[in-house]
Amino acid sequence: MFEYFPLYFFLSLLTFSKEGVLPYMLFCGLFLDCIVYRLPFLHTIFIILFFLLNRFFKRPKKLSCACIQTIINTSFYLLLLMFIFKKIPWILFFMTNIYNLLLTCLWFRKGRIVLKKSKINVKS
């Protein structure tokens, strides 16, 4: 399997770039660059670039818009890495898009999920 191609679960956070996720994104990029792959800050530069580009987009109001933005972010990010490393693992590319779509759906719905407290009366 292609060793410079991890599953980028954190890329779906780029869709929600106005929610203060930059420190987490930078940590993920630096972790991948310095500890996992020992690359010259390649992931960190891409994360900053995509984060700044996504700041110009409005935060998606609909789930379909969030999914489209996640697919675009993930696809461009991974295609850049494929181009740089000249490897094309298509199955990993599609699986990463599917995982990021699932995470985007969960994070998009997080504000709409309300857990109600049940009222239990204990009589003695």
N, C-alpha and C. Protein backbone atom coordinates (compact mmCIF):
# COMPACT_ATOMS: atom_id res chain seq x y z
N MET A 1 0.86 -1.17 0.00
CA MET A 1 0.00 0.00 0.00
C MET A 1 0.90 1.23 0.00
N PHE A 2 0.37 2.31 -0.44
CA PHE A 2 1.14 3.53 -0.58
C PHE A 2 1.40 4.15 0.79
N GLU A 3 2.65 4.22 1.19
CA GLU A 3 2.98 4.61 2.57
C GLU A 3 2.82 6.10 2.87
N TYR A 4 2.81 6.95 1.86
CA TYR A 4 2.64 8.39 2.09
C TYR A 4 1.21 8.84 1.88
N PHE A 5 0.27 8.00 2.18
CA PHE A 5 -1.11 8.32 1.89
C PHE A 5 -2.03 7.87 3.01
N PRO A 6 -2.03 8.56 4.16
CA PRO A 6 -2.89 8.14 5.26
C PRO A 6 -4.35 8.48 4.99
N LEU A 7 -5.22 7.93 5.78
CA LEU A 7 -6.63 8.28 5.67
C LEU A 7 -6.85 9.61 6.36
N TYR A 8 -7.20 10.62 5.59
CA TYR A 8 -7.31 11.98 6.13
C TYR A 8 -8.70 12.22 6.67
N PHE A 9 -8.96 11.71 7.87
CA PHE A 9 -10.26 11.91 8.50
C PHE A 9 -10.48 13.38 8.86
N PHE A 10 -9.41 14.08 9.18
CA PHE A 10 -9.55 15.45 9.65
C PHE A 10 -9.84 16.44 8.53
N LEU A 11 -9.79 16.04 7.28
CA LEU A 11 -10.04 16.97 6.17
C LEU A 11 -11.47 17.47 6.14
N SER A 12 -12.40 16.71 6.70
CA SER A 12 -13.78 17.20 6.70
C SER A 12 -13.93 18.40 7.62
N LEU A 13 -12.97 18.66 8.51
CA LEU A 13 -13.02 19.86 9.34
C LEU A 13 -12.82 21.13 8.52
N LEU A 14 -12.23 21.00 7.33
CA LEU A 14 -12.04 22.18 6.48
C LEU A 14 -13.37 22.80 6.09
N THR A 15 -14.42 22.02 6.03
CA THR A 15 -15.73 22.53 5.68
C THR A 15 -16.23 23.50 6.74
N PHE A 16 -15.83 23.28 7.98
CA PHE A 16 -16.29 24.10 9.09
C PHE A 16 -15.15 25.00 9.58
N SER A 17 -14.50 25.70 8.66
CA SER A 17 -13.28 26.43 8.97
C SER A 17 -13.51 27.64 9.87
N LYS A 18 -14.74 28.06 10.06
CA LYS A 18 -15.00 29.22 10.90
C LYS A 18 -15.29 28.85 12.35
N GLU A 19 -15.12 27.60 12.70
CA GLU A 19 -15.44 27.15 14.05
C GLU A 19 -14.20 26.97 14.91
N GLY A 20 -13.11 27.62 14.56
CA GLY A 20 -11.90 27.54 15.38
C GLY A 20 -11.22 26.20 15.33
N VAL A 21 -11.12 25.61 14.17
CA VAL A 21 -10.49 24.30 14.06
C VAL A 21 -9.05 24.38 13.58
N LEU A 22 -8.55 25.59 13.33
CA LEU A 22 -7.19 25.73 12.81
C LEU A 22 -6.13 25.12 13.74
N PRO A 23 -6.20 25.30 15.06
CA PRO A 23 -5.18 24.65 15.90
C PRO A 23 -5.18 23.13 15.77
N TYR A 24 -6.35 22.52 15.67
CA TYR A 24 -6.43 21.07 15.51
C TYR A 24 -5.89 20.64 14.15
N MET A 25 -6.20 21.44 13.13
CA MET A 25 -5.70 21.12 11.79
C MET A 25 -4.18 21.23 11.74
N LEU A 26 -3.63 22.28 12.34
CA LEU A 26 -2.18 22.44 12.35
C LEU A 26 -1.51 21.32 13.14
N PHE A 27 -2.13 20.90 14.24
CA PHE A 27 -1.58 19.78 14.99
C PHE A 27 -1.56 18.52 14.12
N CYS A 28 -2.65 18.25 13.40
CA CYS A 28 -2.69 17.07 12.54
C CYS A 28 -1.63 17.16 11.45
N GLY A 29 -1.50 18.34 10.83
CA GLY A 29 -0.50 18.50 9.78
C GLY A 29 0.91 18.35 10.31
N LEU A 30 1.21 18.97 11.45
CA LEU A 30 2.55 18.84 12.03
C LEU A 30 2.82 17.43 12.51
N PHE A 31 1.81 16.77 13.04
CA PHE A 31 1.97 15.38 13.46
C PHE A 31 2.32 14.49 12.27
N LEU A 32 1.59 14.68 11.15
CA LEU A 32 1.89 13.88 9.97
C LEU A 32 3.27 14.21 9.40
N ASP A 33 3.62 15.50 9.39
CA ASP A 33 4.90 15.91 8.80
C ASP A 33 6.10 15.51 9.65
N CYS A 34 6.03 15.78 10.93
CA CYS A 34 7.21 15.60 11.79
C CYS A 34 7.35 14.21 12.36
N ILE A 35 6.25 13.59 12.74
CA ILE A 35 6.34 12.32 13.46
C ILE A 35 6.10 11.12 12.55
N VAL A 36 5.03 11.17 11.75
CA VAL A 36 4.67 9.99 10.96
C VAL A 36 5.53 9.84 9.72
N TYR A 37 5.64 10.90 8.92
CA TYR A 37 6.30 10.77 7.62
C TYR A 37 7.61 11.51 7.47
N ARG A 38 7.94 12.42 8.38
CA ARG A 38 9.17 13.20 8.31
C ARG A 38 9.32 13.92 6.97
N LEU A 39 8.26 14.61 6.59
CA LEU A 39 8.25 15.40 5.35
C LEU A 39 8.53 16.87 5.69
N PRO A 40 8.96 17.66 4.71
CA PRO A 40 9.27 19.08 4.98
C PRO A 40 8.01 19.94 5.04
N PHE A 41 7.14 19.71 6.01
CA PHE A 41 5.94 20.50 6.28
C PHE A 41 4.98 20.56 5.08
N LEU A 42 4.92 19.50 4.32
CA LEU A 42 4.05 19.45 3.15
C LEU A 42 2.58 19.49 3.54
N HIS A 43 2.18 18.64 4.49
CA HIS A 43 0.79 18.61 4.92
C HIS A 43 0.37 19.91 5.59
N THR A 44 1.27 20.48 6.38
CA THR A 44 0.97 21.72 7.09
C THR A 44 0.74 22.86 6.10
N ILE A 45 1.55 22.95 5.08
CA ILE A 45 1.38 23.99 4.06
C ILE A 45 0.05 23.80 3.33
N PHE A 46 -0.28 22.57 2.98
CA PHE A 46 -1.56 22.30 2.30
C PHE A 46 -2.74 22.65 3.21
N ILE A 47 -2.64 22.32 4.49
CA ILE A 47 -3.73 22.60 5.42
C ILE A 47 -3.94 24.10 5.55
N ILE A 48 -2.87 24.86 5.69
CA ILE A 48 -3.01 26.32 5.78
C ILE A 48 -3.60 26.88 4.50
N LEU A 49 -3.14 26.40 3.35
CA LEU A 49 -3.65 26.87 2.07
C LEU A 49 -5.15 26.59 1.93
N PHE A 50 -5.56 25.36 2.20
CA PHE A 50 -6.98 25.00 2.08
C PHE A 50 -7.82 25.69 3.14
N PHE A 51 -7.27 25.87 4.33
CA PHE A 51 -8.01 26.56 5.38
C PHE A 51 -8.29 28.00 4.97
N LEU A 52 -7.29 28.68 4.43
CA LEU A 52 -7.48 30.07 3.99
C LEU A 52 -8.45 30.16 2.82
N LEU A 53 -8.38 29.20 1.90
CA LEU A 53 -9.33 29.19 0.78
C LEU A 53 -10.76 28.99 1.27
N ASN A 54 -10.95 28.13 2.26
CA ASN A 54 -12.29 27.85 2.76
C ASN A 54 -12.83 28.97 3.65
N ARG A 55 -11.99 29.87 4.10
CA ARG A 55 -12.48 31.01 4.87
C ARG A 55 -13.33 31.94 4.00
N PHE A 56 -13.10 31.92 2.68
CA PHE A 56 -13.85 32.78 1.78
C PHE A 56 -15.23 32.22 1.45
N PHE A 57 -15.43 30.91 1.67
CA PHE A 57 -16.74 30.32 1.44
C PHE A 57 -17.60 30.52 2.66
N LYS A 58 -18.88 30.63 2.45
CA LYS A 58 -19.80 30.72 3.59
C LYS A 58 -19.92 29.34 4.22
N ARG A 59 -20.22 29.36 5.52
CA ARG A 59 -20.45 28.08 6.19
C ARG A 59 -21.71 27.47 5.61
N PRO A 60 -21.65 26.20 5.21
CA PRO A 60 -22.80 25.58 4.56
C PRO A 60 -24.02 25.53 5.48
N LYS A 61 -25.16 25.93 4.92
CA LYS A 61 -26.41 25.90 5.68
C LYS A 61 -27.16 24.59 5.47
N LYS A 62 -26.88 23.92 4.35
CA LYS A 62 -27.53 22.64 4.04
C LYS A 62 -26.50 21.53 4.07
N LEU A 63 -26.97 20.34 4.36
CA LEU A 63 -26.08 19.19 4.40
C LEU A 63 -25.52 18.88 3.02
N SER A 64 -26.30 19.07 1.98
CA SER A 64 -25.80 18.78 0.63
C SER A 64 -24.65 19.71 0.26
N CYS A 65 -24.74 20.98 0.64
CA CYS A 65 -23.65 21.92 0.37
C CYS A 65 -22.40 21.55 1.15
N ALA A 66 -22.57 21.11 2.39
CA ALA A 66 -21.43 20.69 3.20
C ALA A 66 -20.77 19.45 2.61
N CYS A 67 -21.56 18.54 2.09
CA CYS A 67 -21.01 17.32 1.48
C CYS A 67 -20.24 17.65 0.21
N ILE A 68 -20.78 18.54 -0.60
CA ILE A 68 -20.09 18.93 -1.83
C ILE A 68 -18.77 19.61 -1.51
N GLN A 69 -18.79 20.50 -0.53
CA GLN A 69 -17.55 21.19 -0.14
C GLN A 69 -16.53 20.21 0.42
N THR A 70 -16.97 19.22 1.18
CA THR A 70 -16.06 18.21 1.71
C THR A 70 -15.45 17.37 0.60
N ILE A 71 -16.27 16.98 -0.37
CA ILE A 71 -15.74 16.20 -1.50
C ILE A 71 -14.70 17.00 -2.27
N ILE A 72 -14.98 18.28 -2.50
CA ILE A 72 -14.03 19.12 -3.24
C ILE A 72 -12.74 19.27 -2.45
N ASN A 73 -12.84 19.56 -1.15
CA ASN A 73 -11.64 19.70 -0.32
C ASN A 73 -10.81 18.43 -0.30
N THR A 74 -11.45 17.33 -0.03
CA THR A 74 -10.73 16.06 0.08
C THR A 74 -10.12 15.66 -1.25
N SER A 75 -10.88 15.81 -2.33
CA SER A 75 -10.39 15.40 -3.64
C SER A 75 -9.19 16.23 -4.08
N PHE A 76 -9.27 17.56 -3.94
CA PHE A 76 -8.13 18.41 -4.33
C PHE A 76 -6.91 18.14 -3.47
N TYR A 77 -7.11 17.97 -2.18
CA TYR A 77 -6.00 17.70 -1.27
C TYR A 77 -5.29 16.39 -1.65
N LEU A 78 -6.08 15.36 -1.87
CA LEU A 78 -5.49 14.06 -2.19
C LEU A 78 -4.93 14.02 -3.60
N LEU A 79 -5.56 14.73 -4.53
CA LEU A 79 -5.01 14.78 -5.90
C LEU A 79 -3.67 15.51 -5.93
N LEU A 80 -3.52 16.55 -5.11
CA LEU A 80 -2.22 17.21 -5.01
C LEU A 80 -1.15 16.26 -4.49
N LEU A 81 -1.49 15.49 -3.46
CA LEU A 81 -0.52 14.51 -2.95
C LEU A 81 -0.22 13.43 -3.97
N MET A 82 -1.23 13.00 -4.71
CA MET A 82 -0.99 12.01 -5.77
C MET A 82 -0.07 12.56 -6.84
N PHE A 83 -0.26 13.82 -7.18
CA PHE A 83 0.57 14.45 -8.20
C PHE A 83 2.01 14.60 -7.72
N ILE A 84 2.19 14.98 -6.47
CA ILE A 84 3.54 15.18 -5.93
C ILE A 84 4.28 13.85 -5.82
N PHE A 85 3.62 12.82 -5.31
CA PHE A 85 4.29 11.54 -5.10
C PHE A 85 4.18 10.59 -6.30
N LYS A 86 3.44 10.98 -7.30
CA LYS A 86 3.29 10.20 -8.54
C LYS A 86 2.80 8.78 -8.27
N LYS A 87 1.87 8.66 -7.35
CA LYS A 87 1.21 7.39 -7.05
C LYS A 87 -0.29 7.63 -7.12
N ILE A 88 -1.02 6.65 -7.60
CA ILE A 88 -2.47 6.81 -7.75
C ILE A 88 -3.20 5.62 -7.13
N PRO A 89 -3.40 5.62 -5.82
CA PRO A 89 -4.21 4.57 -5.18
C PRO A 89 -5.69 4.98 -5.16
N TRP A 90 -6.39 4.68 -6.21
CA TRP A 90 -7.77 5.14 -6.37
C TRP A 90 -8.72 4.60 -5.31
N ILE A 91 -8.53 3.37 -4.89
CA ILE A 91 -9.43 2.80 -3.89
C ILE A 91 -9.33 3.56 -2.57
N LEU A 92 -8.12 3.93 -2.19
CA LEU A 92 -7.92 4.72 -0.98
C LEU A 92 -8.49 6.12 -1.14
N PHE A 93 -8.40 6.66 -2.34
CA PHE A 93 -8.96 7.97 -2.65
C PHE A 93 -10.47 7.98 -2.44
N PHE A 94 -11.16 6.99 -2.97
CA PHE A 94 -12.62 6.92 -2.82
C PHE A 94 -13.04 6.59 -1.39
N MET A 95 -12.31 5.72 -0.73
CA MET A 95 -12.65 5.39 0.65
C MET A 95 -12.48 6.60 1.58
N THR A 96 -11.44 7.40 1.34
CA THR A 96 -11.24 8.60 2.15
C THR A 96 -12.37 9.58 1.93
N ASN A 97 -12.83 9.73 0.70
CA ASN A 97 -13.98 10.60 0.44
C ASN A 97 -15.23 10.10 1.16
N ILE A 98 -15.45 8.81 1.17
CA ILE A 98 -16.63 8.25 1.85
C ILE A 98 -16.54 8.48 3.35
N TYR A 99 -15.36 8.22 3.95
CA TYR A 99 -15.20 8.46 5.39
C TYR A 99 -15.42 9.93 5.73
N ASN A 100 -14.86 10.82 4.91
CA ASN A 100 -15.02 12.24 5.19
C ASN A 100 -16.46 12.69 5.02
N LEU A 101 -17.19 12.10 4.09
CA LEU A 101 -18.61 12.43 3.96
C LEU A 101 -19.39 11.99 5.19
N LEU A 102 -19.08 10.81 5.69
CA LEU A 102 -19.77 10.35 6.91
C LEU A 102 -19.46 11.25 8.10
N LEU A 103 -18.20 11.65 8.24
CA LEU A 103 -17.85 12.55 9.34
C LEU A 103 -18.49 13.92 9.16
N THR A 104 -18.58 14.39 7.93
CA THR A 104 -19.23 15.68 7.67
C THR A 104 -20.70 15.61 8.05
N CYS A 105 -21.36 14.53 7.71
CA CYS A 105 -22.77 14.38 8.08
C CYS A 105 -22.93 14.38 9.61
N LEU A 106 -22.05 13.70 10.31
CA LEU A 106 -22.13 13.69 11.78
C LEU A 106 -21.87 15.07 12.37
N TRP A 107 -20.85 15.77 11.89
CA TRP A 107 -20.54 17.09 12.42
C TRP A 107 -21.56 18.13 12.02
N PHE A 108 -22.17 17.97 10.85
CA PHE A 108 -23.20 18.91 10.43
C PHE A 108 -24.43 18.77 11.30
N ARG A 109 -24.75 17.57 11.68
CA ARG A 109 -25.94 17.30 12.50
C ARG A 109 -25.70 17.53 13.99
N LYS A 110 -24.47 17.82 14.40
CA LYS A 110 -24.19 17.90 15.84
C LYS A 110 -25.00 18.98 16.53
N GLY A 111 -25.30 20.07 15.84
CA GLY A 111 -26.10 21.12 16.45
C GLY A 111 -27.57 20.80 16.49
N ARG A 112 -27.98 19.83 15.70
CA ARG A 112 -29.40 19.48 15.63
C ARG A 112 -29.76 18.29 16.49
N ILE A 113 -28.76 17.61 17.00
CA ILE A 113 -29.02 16.46 17.86
C ILE A 113 -29.21 16.96 19.28
N VAL A 114 -30.37 16.73 19.83
CA VAL A 114 -30.67 17.16 21.19
C VAL A 114 -31.08 15.93 21.99
N LEU A 115 -30.32 15.69 23.02
CA LEU A 115 -30.67 14.57 23.90
C LEU A 115 -31.54 15.12 25.02
N LYS A 116 -32.73 14.60 25.15
CA LYS A 116 -33.67 15.08 26.16
C LYS A 116 -33.48 14.29 27.45
N LYS A 117 -33.58 15.01 28.53
CA LYS A 117 -33.51 14.33 29.81
C LYS A 117 -34.87 13.72 30.11
N SER A 118 -34.82 12.52 30.55
CA SER A 118 -36.09 11.88 30.92
C SER A 118 -36.39 12.22 32.39
N LYS A 119 -37.64 12.51 32.63
CA LYS A 119 -38.04 12.84 33.98
C LYS A 119 -38.55 11.58 34.67
N ILE A 120 -37.77 11.16 35.64
CA ILE A 120 -38.15 9.96 36.37
C ILE A 120 -38.49 10.38 37.79
N ASN A 121 -39.69 10.11 38.13
CA ASN A 121 -40.12 10.42 39.50
C ASN A 121 -39.96 9.17 40.35
N VAL A 122 -39.23 9.35 41.41
CA VAL A 122 -39.04 8.24 42.33
C VAL A 122 -39.92 8.49 43.53
N LYS A 123 -40.85 7.60 43.76
CA LYS A 123 -41.72 7.74 44.92
C LYS A 123 -41.26 6.79 46.01
N SER A 124 -41.22 7.33 47.21
CA SER A 124 -40.80 6.46 48.31
C SER A 124 -41.95 6.16 49.22
